[in-house]
Amino acid sequence: MFFSGQRVLSPGLYRLTLGIIFAVFAAFCCSELAAAAPATGVVQVSQLPLEARVTYRLVRSGGPFPYPKDGMVFGNRERELPAKARGYYREYTVQTPGARDRGARRLVCGGYESVKPEACYYSDDHYSSFRKIVE
């Protein structure tokens, strides 16, 4: 087909080209959304292990915390939590009975006032997954 001296794609080739462009765009967008979309469940405070409830109460009261690294900035490099500015999240160790080190359990709380976090999350697998803590 010709139009004004320029070659134009046939309808079939035009649809095929659009389909390929759409598929590439969709694959790119979906992978970006999947990487940025936090995968968190929900857990009631009463459902947390005893040690996590103790840590949660310590966070809400401002400490003191038993581990020197408690209250340090959590970078959210895993992108499991909602995206926020650096310094928004802080991490706290949840004691793991029988562990010789800090163990894998953590609370990560977000907010700009450490005693009044906007949201707290529990991880029992060292940041691989989180559940949002609800009252």
Protein backbone atom coordinates (compact mmCIF):
# COMPACT_ATOMS: atom_id res chain seq x y z
CA MET A 1 0.00 0.00 0.00
CA PHE A 2 1.12 3.50 -0.71
CA PHE A 3 -0.15 6.73 0.77
CA SER A 4 1.13 10.13 -0.37
CA GLY A 5 4.31 8.60 -1.73
CA GLN A 6 5.18 6.81 1.51
CA ARG A 7 4.92 3.13 2.16
CA VAL A 8 2.38 2.17 4.86
CA LEU A 9 2.21 -1.17 6.67
CA SER A 10 -0.47 -3.59 5.64
CA PRO A 11 -3.25 -3.98 8.23
CA GLY A 12 -1.98 -7.43 9.30
CA LEU A 13 1.61 -6.28 9.69
CA TYR A 14 0.43 -3.16 11.49
CA ARG A 15 -1.52 -5.26 14.04
CA LEU A 16 1.43 -7.61 14.49
CA THR A 17 3.79 -4.68 15.13
CA LEU A 18 1.39 -3.13 17.63
CA GLY A 19 0.98 -6.50 19.33
CA ILE A 20 4.74 -6.91 19.74
CA ILE A 21 5.13 -3.37 21.06
CA PHE A 22 2.26 -3.92 23.52
CA ALA A 23 3.70 -7.26 24.71
CA VAL A 24 7.15 -5.76 25.32
CA PHE A 25 5.64 -2.75 27.10
CA ALA A 26 3.38 -4.95 29.25
CA ALA A 27 6.25 -7.25 30.20
CA PHE A 28 8.40 -4.28 31.20
CA CYS A 29 5.64 -2.57 33.17
CA CYS A 30 4.50 -5.70 34.97
CA SER A 31 8.03 -6.61 36.02
CA GLU A 32 8.53 -3.07 37.35
CA LEU A 33 5.23 -3.20 39.24
CA ALA A 34 6.04 -6.61 40.68
CA ALA A 35 9.40 -5.36 41.89
CA ALA A 36 7.88 -2.27 43.48
CA ALA A 37 4.71 -3.84 44.88
CA PRO A 38 5.22 -4.87 48.48
CA ALA A 39 4.13 -8.38 49.28
CA THR A 40 2.91 -8.11 52.85
CA GLY A 41 0.28 -9.96 54.78
CA VAL A 42 -1.35 -8.85 58.00
CA VAL A 43 -0.94 -10.08 61.57
CA GLN A 44 -2.74 -9.03 64.75
CA VAL A 45 -0.55 -7.99 67.68
CA SER A 46 -2.13 -10.81 69.68
CA GLN A 47 -1.02 -13.35 67.03
CA LEU A 48 2.66 -12.34 67.21
CA PRO A 49 5.09 -14.56 69.11
CA LEU A 50 5.58 -13.41 72.70
CA GLU A 51 9.06 -12.05 71.93
CA ALA A 52 7.68 -9.96 69.04
CA ARG A 53 4.95 -8.52 71.29
CA VAL A 54 7.64 -7.54 73.82
CA THR A 55 9.69 -5.82 71.10
CA TYR A 56 6.56 -4.11 69.75
CA ARG A 57 5.78 -2.70 73.21
CA LEU A 58 9.40 -1.52 73.56
CA VAL A 59 9.16 0.31 70.23
CA ARG A 60 5.92 1.98 71.29
CA SER A 61 7.44 3.08 74.60
CA GLY A 62 10.79 4.22 73.16
CA GLY A 63 12.99 1.45 74.60
CA PRO A 64 15.39 0.65 76.09
CA PHE A 65 16.36 -1.99 73.55
CA PRO A 66 18.47 -5.04 74.35
CA TYR A 67 20.48 -5.05 71.09
CA PRO A 68 22.86 -2.25 70.05
CA LYS A 69 21.61 -2.29 66.44
CA ASP A 70 17.97 -1.80 67.45
CA GLY A 71 16.59 1.46 66.09
CA MET A 72 19.04 1.60 63.18
CA VAL A 73 17.79 2.77 59.78
CA PHE A 74 16.38 -0.04 57.64
CA GLY A 75 17.12 0.55 53.94
CA ASN A 76 14.29 -1.60 52.47
CA ARG A 77 16.70 -2.83 49.78
CA GLU A 78 14.54 -5.92 49.33
CA ARG A 79 11.61 -3.65 48.38
CA GLU A 80 9.22 -5.75 50.39
CA LEU A 81 7.80 -2.71 52.17
CA PRO A 82 6.11 0.34 50.65
CA ALA A 83 8.65 2.72 49.11
CA LYS A 84 9.56 5.58 51.45
CA ALA A 85 12.45 8.03 51.82
CA ARG A 86 15.64 6.79 53.46
CA GLY A 87 15.39 7.08 57.23
CA TYR A 88 11.68 6.33 57.35
CA TYR A 89 12.09 2.70 58.45
CA ARG A 90 13.94 1.46 61.55
CA GLU A 91 14.63 -2.14 62.48
CA TYR A 92 14.39 -3.92 65.82
CA THR A 93 15.52 -7.40 66.81
CA VAL A 94 12.93 -9.90 67.98
CA GLN A 95 14.65 -12.34 70.33
CA THR A 96 14.78 -15.88 68.95
CA PRO A 97 14.92 -18.52 71.71
CA GLY A 98 17.96 -20.76 71.31
CA ALA A 99 19.68 -18.50 68.75
CA ARG A 100 23.33 -17.69 69.41
CA ASP A 101 23.09 -14.45 67.45
CA ARG A 102 20.32 -11.95 66.77
CA GLY A 103 18.38 -14.59 64.86
CA ALA A 104 16.17 -13.99 61.83
CA ARG A 105 13.16 -12.30 63.42
CA ARG A 106 12.72 -8.54 63.13
CA LEU A 107 10.24 -5.73 63.51
CA VAL A 108 10.57 -2.88 61.05
CA CYS A 109 8.65 0.26 61.93
CA GLY A 110 8.10 3.26 59.72
CA GLY A 111 7.51 6.86 60.61
CA TYR A 112 9.41 9.99 61.44
CA GLU A 113 8.71 9.78 65.18
CA SER A 114 10.31 6.63 66.56
CA VAL A 115 7.88 6.33 69.50
CA LYS A 116 4.84 6.85 67.26
CA PRO A 117 5.47 4.72 64.18
CA GLU A 118 2.90 4.98 61.40
CA ALA A 119 3.22 1.26 60.64
CA CYS A 120 5.17 -1.73 61.92
CA TYR A 121 5.93 -4.97 60.09
CA TYR A 122 7.03 -8.38 61.38
CA SER A 123 9.50 -10.63 59.58
CA ASP A 124 10.39 -14.08 60.84
CA ASP A 125 12.68 -14.88 57.89
CA HIS A 126 15.21 -12.02 57.96
CA TYR A 127 13.41 -9.64 55.60
CA SER A 128 12.33 -12.17 52.95
CA SER A 129 8.70 -11.48 53.81
CA PHE A 130 6.77 -9.14 56.06
CA ARG A 131 3.35 -8.98 57.66
CA LYS A 132 1.87 -5.66 58.66
CA ILE A 133 1.04 -5.50 62.36
CA VAL A 134 -2.49 -4.34 63.15
CA GLU A 135 -3.96 -3.60 66.58
